[in-house]
Amino acid sequence: MTGLASEKTAIVLKTRWPPLWLVFGFFIFRTIVTVDGVTSLLPTWGEHVLPVVPGPHEVQVSLGRSIGGRRPMSGARIQVEVARGETVHLRYQVPSLYLSNEGSLEIIQ
């Protein structure tokens, strides 16, 4: 018999701020994540499990303002392949000069 946990197919996204901007940015900006064209505004910074079906996926992550509406900033994009029952771990790092640079999005172990 196979347990449900062993069949879970997901992307785990860990979002991080550089220490210099941690206090300021953590409260003003939110994470916007788009997986295969479906966009979500994450409620907090940190680690998030994004259930997916097996196969290739395009993941985009950017900053959005919690107050007011501006276009997303500091975006990054990556293509990942997720096998059945596999979890792929990604890390999004906001750049030190987040208003003018792209963020980084990479696969981690």
Protein backbone atom coordinates (compact mmCIF):
# COMPACT_ATOMS: atom_id res chain seq x y z
CA MET A 1 0.00 0.00 0.00
CA THR A 2 1.33 3.43 -0.95
CA GLY A 3 0.88 6.42 1.38
CA LEU A 4 -0.48 9.72 0.12
CA ALA A 5 2.66 11.58 1.17
CA SER A 6 4.81 9.46 -1.13
CA GLU A 7 2.59 10.33 -4.11
CA LYS A 8 2.63 14.08 -3.55
CA THR A 9 3.82 16.00 -6.59
CA ALA A 10 4.71 19.60 -5.78
CA ILE A 11 6.98 22.59 -6.11
CA VAL A 12 8.22 24.04 -2.82
CA LEU A 13 9.05 27.73 -3.16
CA LYS A 14 11.20 29.43 -0.53
CA THR A 15 11.22 33.23 -0.75
CA ARG A 16 14.00 35.28 0.83
CA TRP A 17 15.03 38.91 1.35
CA PRO A 18 18.61 40.15 1.57
CA PRO A 19 19.35 41.14 5.19
CA LEU A 20 19.70 44.82 4.28
CA TRP A 21 16.08 45.08 3.06
CA LEU A 22 14.48 42.52 5.38
CA VAL A 23 12.62 44.86 7.73
CA PHE A 24 11.51 47.37 5.09
CA GLY A 25 10.54 45.03 2.27
CA PHE A 26 9.01 42.23 4.31
CA PHE A 27 6.04 44.38 5.30
CA ILE A 28 5.54 46.42 2.13
CA PHE A 29 5.97 43.84 -0.64
CA ARG A 30 4.22 40.53 -1.26
CA THR A 31 5.28 37.62 -3.44
CA ILE A 32 3.46 37.06 -6.72
CA VAL A 33 3.92 33.54 -8.11
CA THR A 34 2.71 32.30 -11.49
CA VAL A 35 2.78 28.59 -12.31
CA ASP A 36 1.83 27.73 -15.90
CA GLY A 37 -0.06 31.01 -16.34
CA VAL A 38 -2.04 30.82 -13.06
CA THR A 39 -1.11 33.73 -10.77
CA SER A 40 -1.36 33.79 -6.97
CA LEU A 41 -0.44 36.37 -4.34
CA LEU A 42 1.30 34.54 -1.50
CA PRO A 43 0.13 35.58 1.98
CA THR A 44 3.59 35.67 3.58
CA TRP A 45 7.29 35.30 2.87
CA GLY A 46 8.96 31.98 3.58
CA GLU A 47 8.27 28.46 2.35
CA HIS A 48 5.18 27.57 0.27
CA VAL A 49 4.03 24.24 -1.18
CA LEU A 50 2.54 24.55 -4.66
CA PRO A 51 0.79 21.30 -5.71
CA VAL A 52 1.28 20.51 -9.42
CA VAL A 53 0.63 17.65 -11.82
CA PRO A 54 3.64 15.70 -13.12
CA GLY A 55 5.36 17.28 -16.12
CA PRO A 56 7.10 20.48 -17.18
CA HIS A 57 6.17 23.75 -15.49
CA GLU A 58 7.06 27.41 -15.96
CA VAL A 59 7.38 29.25 -12.65
CA GLN A 60 7.59 33.06 -12.42
CA VAL A 61 8.10 34.94 -9.17
CA SER A 62 8.06 38.70 -8.62
CA LEU A 63 7.33 41.38 -6.03
CA GLY A 64 4.00 43.09 -5.69
CA ARG A 65 3.05 45.94 -3.40
CA SER A 66 0.82 45.12 -0.46
CA ILE A 67 -0.63 48.63 -0.62
CA GLY A 68 -1.47 50.31 -3.89
CA GLY A 69 -1.23 48.77 -7.30
CA ARG A 70 1.98 48.77 -9.26
CA ARG A 71 3.17 46.32 -11.82
CA PRO A 72 5.28 43.44 -10.49
CA MET A 73 8.99 44.11 -9.95
CA SER A 74 12.20 42.09 -9.64
CA GLY A 75 10.82 39.10 -11.50
CA ALA A 76 12.54 35.82 -12.23
CA ARG A 77 11.48 32.78 -14.24
CA ILE A 78 12.49 29.13 -14.44
CA GLN A 79 11.38 25.96 -16.22
CA VAL A 80 11.22 22.80 -14.08
CA GLU A 81 10.30 19.19 -14.70
CA VAL A 82 8.43 17.51 -11.85
CA ALA A 83 8.05 13.71 -11.91
CA ARG A 84 5.13 11.88 -10.28
CA GLY A 85 5.65 11.81 -6.51
CA GLU A 86 8.59 14.23 -6.72
CA THR A 87 9.00 17.57 -4.98
CA VAL A 88 11.17 20.22 -6.63
CA HIS A 89 12.56 22.88 -4.29
CA LEU A 90 13.04 26.43 -5.58
CA ARG A 91 14.48 29.55 -3.92
CA TYR A 92 13.56 33.10 -4.94
CA GLN A 93 15.94 35.79 -3.71
CA VAL A 94 15.08 39.46 -3.95
CA PRO A 95 18.05 41.44 -5.34
CA SER A 96 19.81 43.95 -3.11
CA LEU A 97 18.61 46.76 -5.40
CA TYR A 98 15.17 45.23 -5.86
CA LEU A 99 13.55 48.16 -7.64
CA SER A 100 15.91 48.04 -10.60
CA ASN A 101 17.19 44.44 -10.88
CA GLU A 102 15.81 40.99 -11.51
CA GLY A 103 15.48 38.54 -8.66
CA SER A 104 17.07 35.10 -8.78
CA LEU A 105 15.10 31.85 -8.94
CA GLU A 106 16.97 28.55 -8.72
CA ILE A 107 16.52 24.89 -7.97
CA ILE A 108 17.91 23.91 -4.55
CA GLN A 109 18.34 20.55 -2.83
